[in-house]
Amino acid sequence: MTTNRSTAIAKLYKVLKKHYKPIAPPAERTALEHLLYSCLLENARHEVADEAFAKLKELYFDWNEIRVTTVTELAEGMGGIPDASSAAQRVKKSLQSVFEGGYSFDMEGLKKQNLGKAEKDLEKISGSSAFVRSYVTQQALGGHSIPISKGAIDILHAVGIISDNEADKGQVPGLERAIPKNKGVEFGSLLQQLAADLVASPGSSKVKSILAEIDSDFKDRLAARQARLEAQAVADAAAAKVARDKARAEAKAAAAEAKKPVGRSSAKDKKAEKSAARPAEMKPTPKAKEQPKEKEKPAATPPKKHLSEPARATAKGLAKKKPR
């Protein structure tokens, strides 16, 4: 680690100016266009980002059509962009977040806000990286924030300006103090060009010669960091595979359990559980044992009345009398 960080940054700036020329974006771009362009520019060369940005505006009717297009389709039109899938994802997520924030694609209101408030609003945009937010702050809002991509972090670490821990966190303490605001745009552009060359061609003799001018010990640091990042990537991929396999096994076991037929015994158990779970007041009360009914005695026939002799004779006469 270089003892005097400001001196090392000043040396880096001096060497960069020898090999690159600053590139300024079109002044008429809106805040949203700066946002989307920076999504493409991160880790990419300016000419490649320019071409991809022009294709987006040419192939799609408006920003909303880009918002609803799949990442795969967007990436197909970004030839030459390193990790086009990640760039397409940044574009799509940023547009979605901006749209959800106000149901429009207008970000010009950020320019009217206090810089601190505008930067906090930028942090709320899903899909925007630290590079993207710094680029918008610098180019659209006029703030002093130097965009730092992954390639730039690798360069700053290789020449001894930042430590391993700072590189892992993506931090460059003291950069804005070492580079004045009136030089921030130029320095950011120069550093971005070297970073893009490193990402595009890590073994380039041009890149190596530039880094050697800044610090002759860059090779050891660069090789050590690349080896560590590769090992970490392998470990992360292995852990992700284990997690996926575990999730698939659990899903398969759950599906098999759901398809298992229910036997008679288990059905009885479920019926018993259901009965036990029923509230006490809902359970039917057992019926009392019915007593056998007593046989009903036949009703007593009334005693026959005995007619007197004259009455019997009269009744007998009436029975024998025939109707006319």
Protein backbone atom coordinates (compact mmCIF):
# COMPACT_ATOMS: atom_id res chain seq x y z
CA MET A 1 0.00 0.00 0.00
CA THR A 2 1.43 3.39 -0.99
CA THR A 3 2.05 5.54 2.10
CA ASN A 4 0.90 8.76 0.48
CA ARG A 5 -2.37 8.11 -1.28
CA SER A 6 -2.72 11.63 -2.69
CA THR A 7 0.72 11.42 -4.30
CA ALA A 8 -0.12 8.06 -5.86
CA ILE A 9 -3.42 9.40 -7.23
CA ALA A 10 -1.64 12.45 -8.66
CA LYS A 11 0.86 10.15 -10.38
CA LEU A 12 -1.93 8.02 -11.79
CA TYR A 13 -3.63 11.14 -13.19
CA LYS A 14 -0.40 12.29 -14.83
CA VAL A 15 0.20 8.93 -16.53
CA LEU A 16 -3.42 8.66 -17.68
CA LYS A 17 -3.21 12.04 -19.43
CA LYS A 18 -0.20 10.79 -21.39
CA HIS A 19 -2.10 7.86 -22.92
CA TYR A 20 -5.76 8.94 -23.13
CA LYS A 21 -7.89 11.95 -24.06
CA PRO A 22 -11.01 12.83 -22.05
CA ILE A 23 -14.35 12.04 -23.65
CA ALA A 24 -17.33 14.25 -22.77
CA PRO A 25 -20.92 13.05 -23.26
CA PRO A 26 -23.42 15.12 -25.28
CA ALA A 27 -24.54 18.14 -23.27
CA GLU A 28 -28.19 17.81 -24.34
CA ARG A 29 -28.74 14.45 -22.65
CA THR A 30 -31.42 14.31 -20.00
CA ALA A 31 -30.86 12.91 -16.51
CA LEU A 32 -32.62 9.68 -17.54
CA GLU A 33 -30.40 9.33 -20.62
CA HIS A 34 -27.29 9.79 -18.46
CA LEU A 35 -28.64 7.07 -16.17
CA LEU A 36 -29.23 4.57 -18.97
CA TYR A 37 -25.99 5.38 -20.77
CA SER A 38 -23.97 4.83 -17.59
CA CYS A 39 -25.65 1.41 -17.21
CA LEU A 40 -23.98 0.52 -20.53
CA LEU A 41 -20.69 2.38 -19.98
CA GLU A 42 -19.76 0.58 -16.76
CA ASN A 43 -16.72 -1.60 -17.61
CA ALA A 44 -17.19 -0.85 -21.35
CA ARG A 45 -15.35 1.31 -23.85
CA HIS A 46 -17.04 4.55 -24.85
CA GLU A 47 -17.45 3.62 -28.50
CA VAL A 48 -19.11 0.32 -27.57
CA ALA A 49 -21.44 2.04 -25.09
CA ASP A 50 -22.31 4.70 -27.69
CA GLU A 51 -23.26 2.03 -30.23
CA ALA A 52 -25.37 0.05 -27.74
CA PHE A 53 -27.16 3.21 -26.58
CA ALA A 54 -27.94 4.22 -30.17
CA LYS A 55 -29.35 0.74 -30.87
CA LEU A 56 -31.65 0.95 -27.87
CA LYS A 57 -33.13 4.18 -29.17
CA GLU A 58 -33.35 2.81 -32.70
CA LEU A 59 -34.80 -0.65 -32.06
CA TYR A 60 -37.46 0.31 -29.52
CA PHE A 61 -40.33 2.74 -29.80
CA ASP A 62 -39.87 4.38 -26.39
CA TRP A 63 -38.47 3.83 -22.88
CA ASN A 64 -41.59 1.94 -21.83
CA GLU A 65 -41.08 -0.66 -24.54
CA ILE A 66 -37.52 -1.18 -23.28
CA ARG A 67 -38.88 -1.49 -19.73
CA VAL A 68 -41.19 -4.38 -20.65
CA THR A 69 -38.66 -6.17 -22.90
CA THR A 70 -36.86 -9.22 -21.52
CA VAL A 71 -33.25 -9.02 -20.38
CA THR A 72 -32.28 -11.62 -22.98
CA GLU A 73 -33.70 -9.57 -25.86
CA LEU A 74 -32.05 -6.38 -24.60
CA ALA A 75 -28.69 -8.11 -24.23
CA GLU A 76 -28.84 -9.35 -27.83
CA GLY A 77 -28.67 -5.75 -29.05
CA MET A 78 -25.64 -4.89 -26.90
CA GLY A 79 -22.86 -6.50 -28.90
CA GLY A 80 -19.42 -5.69 -27.50
CA ILE A 81 -20.63 -4.76 -24.01
CA PRO A 82 -18.80 -6.86 -21.39
CA ASP A 83 -21.37 -8.95 -19.53
CA ALA A 84 -24.22 -7.67 -21.68
CA SER A 85 -26.76 -9.53 -19.54
CA SER A 86 -25.79 -7.52 -16.43
CA ALA A 87 -25.88 -4.28 -18.42
CA ALA A 88 -29.34 -5.12 -19.80
CA GLN A 89 -30.54 -5.94 -16.30
CA ARG A 90 -29.31 -2.57 -15.01
CA VAL A 91 -31.15 -0.78 -17.82
CA LYS A 92 -34.40 -2.69 -17.31
CA LYS A 93 -34.43 -2.45 -13.50
CA SER A 94 -33.54 1.25 -13.56
CA LEU A 95 -36.36 2.03 -15.96
CA GLN A 96 -38.80 -0.02 -13.90
CA SER A 97 -37.76 1.75 -10.69
CA VAL A 98 -38.01 5.22 -12.24
CA PHE A 99 -41.45 4.39 -13.67
CA GLU A 100 -42.76 3.07 -10.35
CA GLY A 101 -41.50 6.21 -8.61
CA GLY A 102 -43.78 8.57 -10.53
CA TYR A 103 -45.42 6.61 -13.38
CA SER A 104 -43.30 8.50 -15.89
CA PHE A 105 -39.75 8.54 -17.22
CA ASP A 106 -38.92 12.08 -16.18
CA MET A 107 -35.95 12.61 -13.84
CA GLU A 108 -35.38 16.29 -14.48
CA GLY A 109 -36.82 17.13 -11.10
CA LEU A 110 -33.57 15.88 -9.51
CA LYS A 111 -31.77 18.91 -10.95
CA LYS A 112 -33.99 21.26 -8.95
CA GLN A 113 -33.35 19.51 -5.64
CA ASN A 114 -30.58 19.95 -3.14
CA LEU A 115 -27.63 17.77 -4.21
CA GLY A 116 -27.76 15.69 -1.04
CA LYS A 117 -31.48 14.98 -1.47
CA ALA A 118 -30.99 14.17 -5.16
CA GLU A 119 -28.23 11.69 -4.33
CA LYS A 120 -30.48 9.96 -1.80
CA ASP A 121 -33.21 9.69 -4.44
CA LEU A 122 -30.70 8.16 -6.84
CA GLU A 123 -29.87 5.50 -4.26
CA LYS A 124 -33.53 4.43 -4.31
CA ILE A 125 -33.34 3.51 -7.99
CA SER A 126 -33.23 -0.27 -8.07
CA GLY A 127 -30.64 -1.72 -10.42
CA SER A 128 -28.35 1.31 -10.33
CA SER A 129 -24.78 0.58 -9.25
CA ALA A 130 -22.37 2.90 -7.43
CA PHE A 131 -20.78 3.68 -10.81
CA VAL A 132 -24.14 4.63 -12.32
CA ARG A 133 -25.13 6.87 -9.42
CA SER A 134 -21.76 8.66 -9.41
CA TYR A 135 -21.94 9.16 -13.17
CA VAL A 136 -25.42 10.72 -12.96
CA THR A 137 -24.35 12.89 -10.04
CA GLN A 138 -21.34 14.13 -11.99
CA GLN A 139 -22.83 14.53 -15.48
CA ALA A 140 -26.48 15.43 -14.78
CA LEU A 141 -26.42 17.08 -11.36
CA GLY A 142 -23.04 18.81 -11.47
CA GLY A 143 -21.83 17.17 -8.26
CA HIS A 144 -18.26 16.13 -7.46
CA SER A 145 -18.44 12.35 -7.63
CA ILE A 146 -15.99 10.25 -9.68
CA PRO A 147 -17.51 7.06 -11.17
CA ILE A 148 -15.53 3.94 -10.20
CA SER A 149 -16.20 0.67 -12.04
CA LYS A 150 -14.97 -2.81 -11.18
CA GLY A 151 -12.14 -2.42 -13.68
CA ALA A 152 -11.15 0.87 -12.04
CA ILE A 153 -11.08 -0.84 -8.62
CA ASP A 154 -8.72 -3.49 -10.02
CA ILE A 155 -6.43 -0.77 -11.38
CA LEU A 156 -6.38 1.26 -8.18
CA HIS A 157 -5.59 -1.87 -6.20
CA ALA A 158 -2.90 -3.00 -8.63
CA VAL A 159 -1.00 0.30 -8.36
CA GLY A 160 -1.23 0.31 -4.56
CA ILE A 161 -3.73 3.14 -4.08
CA ILE A 162 -6.30 1.04 -2.21
CA SER A 163 -5.96 -2.00 0.04
CA ASP A 164 -7.49 -5.48 -0.31
CA ASN A 165 -10.27 -4.61 2.12
CA GLU A 166 -11.08 -1.33 0.35
CA ALA A 167 -11.08 -3.08 -3.01
CA ASP A 168 -13.52 -5.72 -1.75
CA LYS A 169 -15.84 -2.96 -0.53
CA GLY A 170 -15.42 -0.91 -3.73
CA GLN A 171 -14.21 2.12 -1.78
CA VAL A 172 -11.56 4.69 -2.71
CA PRO A 173 -11.14 6.95 0.33
CA GLY A 174 -9.83 10.44 -0.37
CA LEU A 175 -10.28 10.30 -4.16
CA GLU A 176 -12.53 13.39 -4.37
CA ARG A 177 -10.13 15.30 -2.10
CA ALA A 178 -7.09 14.40 -4.19
CA ILE A 179 -8.83 15.30 -7.48
CA PRO A 180 -10.42 18.79 -7.47
CA LYS A 181 -13.97 19.23 -8.75
CA ASN A 182 -12.92 21.07 -11.92
CA LYS A 183 -10.79 18.04 -12.86
CA GLY A 184 -13.26 15.38 -11.81
CA VAL A 185 -14.93 14.86 -15.20
CA GLU A 186 -11.61 14.59 -17.01
CA PHE A 187 -10.05 12.23 -14.46
CA GLY A 188 -13.16 10.04 -14.41
CA SER A 189 -13.13 9.71 -18.19
CA LEU A 190 -9.42 8.85 -18.34
CA LEU A 191 -9.67 6.26 -15.58
CA GLN A 192 -12.75 4.73 -17.20
CA GLN A 193 -10.88 4.26 -20.50
CA LEU A 194 -7.97 2.42 -18.86
CA ALA A 195 -10.40 0.31 -16.81
CA ALA A 196 -12.36 -0.63 -19.94
CA ASP A 197 -9.15 -1.65 -21.72
CA LEU A 198 -8.21 -3.84 -18.75
CA VAL A 199 -11.62 -5.55 -18.72
CA ALA A 200 -11.61 -6.04 -22.51
CA SER A 201 -8.03 -7.37 -22.65
CA PRO A 202 -6.42 -8.20 -19.28
CA GLY A 203 -3.23 -9.41 -20.94
CA SER A 204 -2.78 -6.34 -23.15
CA SER A 205 0.81 -5.12 -23.36
CA LYS A 206 -0.46 -1.54 -23.56
CA VAL A 207 -2.35 -1.87 -20.27
CA LYS A 208 0.61 -3.52 -18.58
CA SER A 209 3.02 -0.81 -19.71
CA ILE A 210 0.73 1.94 -18.40
CA LEU A 211 0.34 0.20 -15.04
CA ALA A 212 4.12 -0.29 -14.85
CA GLU A 213 4.60 3.46 -15.27
CA ILE A 214 2.42 4.06 -12.24
CA ASP A 215 3.81 1.28 -10.02
CA SER A 216 6.31 -1.42 -11.01
CA ASP A 217 4.89 -3.88 -8.45
CA PHE A 218 1.46 -3.96 -10.06
CA LYS A 219 1.88 -7.51 -11.46
CA ASP A 220 1.97 -9.26 -8.10
CA ARG A 221 -1.02 -7.37 -6.73
CA LEU A 222 -3.06 -7.80 -9.90
CA ALA A 223 -2.31 -11.53 -10.16
CA ALA A 224 -3.07 -12.11 -6.46
CA ARG A 225 -6.39 -10.29 -6.65
CA GLN A 226 -7.47 -12.04 -9.83
CA ALA A 227 -6.61 -15.45 -8.34
CA ARG A 228 -8.55 -14.64 -5.16
CA LEU A 229 -11.59 -13.41 -7.10
CA GLU A 230 -11.57 -16.51 -9.30
CA ALA A 231 -11.37 -18.79 -6.25
CA GLN A 232 -14.23 -16.88 -4.63
CA ALA A 233 -16.29 -17.17 -7.80
CA VAL A 234 -15.75 -20.95 -7.86
CA ALA A 235 -16.71 -21.22 -4.18
CA ASP A 236 -19.82 -19.10 -4.72
CA ALA A 237 -20.85 -21.21 -7.71
CA ALA A 238 -20.39 -24.41 -5.71
CA ALA A 239 -22.43 -23.03 -2.80
CA ALA A 240 -25.16 -21.93 -5.18
CA LYS A 241 -25.25 -25.42 -6.75
CA VAL A 242 -25.57 -27.06 -3.33
CA ALA A 243 -28.42 -24.71 -2.44
CA ARG A 244 -30.18 -25.44 -5.75
CA ASP A 245 -29.78 -29.23 -5.33
CA LYS A 246 -31.12 -29.04 -1.77
CA ALA A 247 -34.13 -27.00 -2.87
CA ARG A 248 -34.87 -29.45 -5.70
CA ALA A 249 -34.59 -32.45 -3.35
CA GLU A 250 -36.97 -30.86 -0.85
CA ALA A 251 -39.44 -29.99 -3.60
CA LYS A 252 -39.24 -33.54 -4.96
CA ALA A 253 -39.81 -35.05 -1.51
CA ALA A 254 -42.80 -32.77 -0.91
CA ALA A 255 -44.31 -33.74 -4.28
CA ALA A 256 -43.83 -37.45 -3.55
CA GLU A 257 -45.46 -37.06 -0.13
CA ALA A 258 -48.43 -35.28 -1.69
CA LYS A 259 -48.95 -38.12 -4.20
CA LYS A 260 -48.78 -40.90 -1.55
CA PRO A 261 -52.19 -42.76 -1.30
CA VAL A 262 -54.08 -42.60 2.00
CA GLY A 263 -54.61 -46.08 3.60
CA ARG A 264 -57.62 -47.26 5.62
CA SER A 265 -55.83 -47.04 8.92
CA SER A 266 -54.70 -43.49 8.23
CA ALA A 267 -58.21 -42.56 7.16
CA LYS A 268 -59.53 -43.87 10.49
CA ASP A 269 -56.86 -41.94 12.31
CA LYS A 270 -57.84 -38.76 10.49
CA LYS A 271 -61.50 -39.40 11.34
CA ALA A 272 -60.59 -39.88 15.00
CA GLU A 273 -58.48 -36.73 14.99
CA LYS A 274 -61.32 -34.80 13.41
CA SER A 275 -63.75 -36.10 16.02
CA ALA A 276 -61.35 -35.24 18.85
CA ALA A 277 -60.88 -31.75 17.50
CA ARG A 278 -64.67 -31.12 17.47
CA PRO A 279 -65.83 -28.89 20.37
CA ALA A 280 -67.41 -30.71 23.29
CA GLU A 281 -70.75 -29.05 22.87
CA MET A 282 -70.94 -30.25 19.27
CA LYS A 283 -70.38 -33.92 20.16
CA PRO A 284 -73.60 -35.96 20.19
CA THR A 285 -74.65 -37.08 23.68
CA PRO A 286 -75.26 -40.82 24.10
CA LYS A 287 -78.93 -41.80 24.17
CA ALA A 288 -80.35 -43.31 27.36
CA LYS A 289 -81.21 -46.97 27.14
CA GLU A 290 -84.89 -47.29 26.36
CA GLN A 291 -87.02 -49.32 28.78
CA PRO A 292 -89.20 -51.99 27.19
CA LYS A 293 -92.74 -50.82 26.79
CA GLU A 294 -95.48 -52.59 28.79
CA LYS A 295 -98.05 -54.37 26.72
CA GLU A 296 -101.26 -52.44 26.59
CA LYS A 297 -104.15 -54.25 28.16
CA PRO A 298 -107.20 -54.57 25.93
CA ALA A 299 -109.98 -52.28 26.92
CA ALA A 300 -112.74 -53.99 28.87
CA THR A 301 -115.88 -54.62 26.86
CA PRO A 302 -118.93 -53.05 28.37
CA PRO A 303 -121.39 -55.60 29.82
CA LYS A 304 -124.34 -56.46 27.66
CA LYS A 305 -127.56 -54.92 28.73
CA HIS A 306 -130.42 -57.41 29.30
CA LEU A 307 -133.68 -56.34 27.63
CA SER A 308 -137.00 -56.91 29.22
CA GLU A 309 -139.44 -59.38 27.71
CA PRO A 310 -141.68 -56.75 26.06
CA ALA A 311 -138.69 -54.96 24.61
CA ARG A 312 -137.30 -58.21 23.19
CA ALA A 313 -140.61 -58.96 21.58
CA THR A 314 -140.83 -55.54 20.06
CA ALA A 315 -137.23 -55.74 18.71
CA LYS A 316 -137.92 -59.18 17.27
CA GLY A 317 -141.02 -57.90 15.55
CA LEU A 318 -139.17 -55.01 14.04
CA ALA A 319 -136.42 -57.29 12.70
CA LYS A 320 -138.92 -59.55 10.96
CA LYS A 321 -140.81 -56.68 9.37
CA LYS A 322 -139.82 -56.37 5.71
CA PRO A 323 -139.54 -53.04 3.98
CA ARG A 324 -142.14 -52.22 1.40
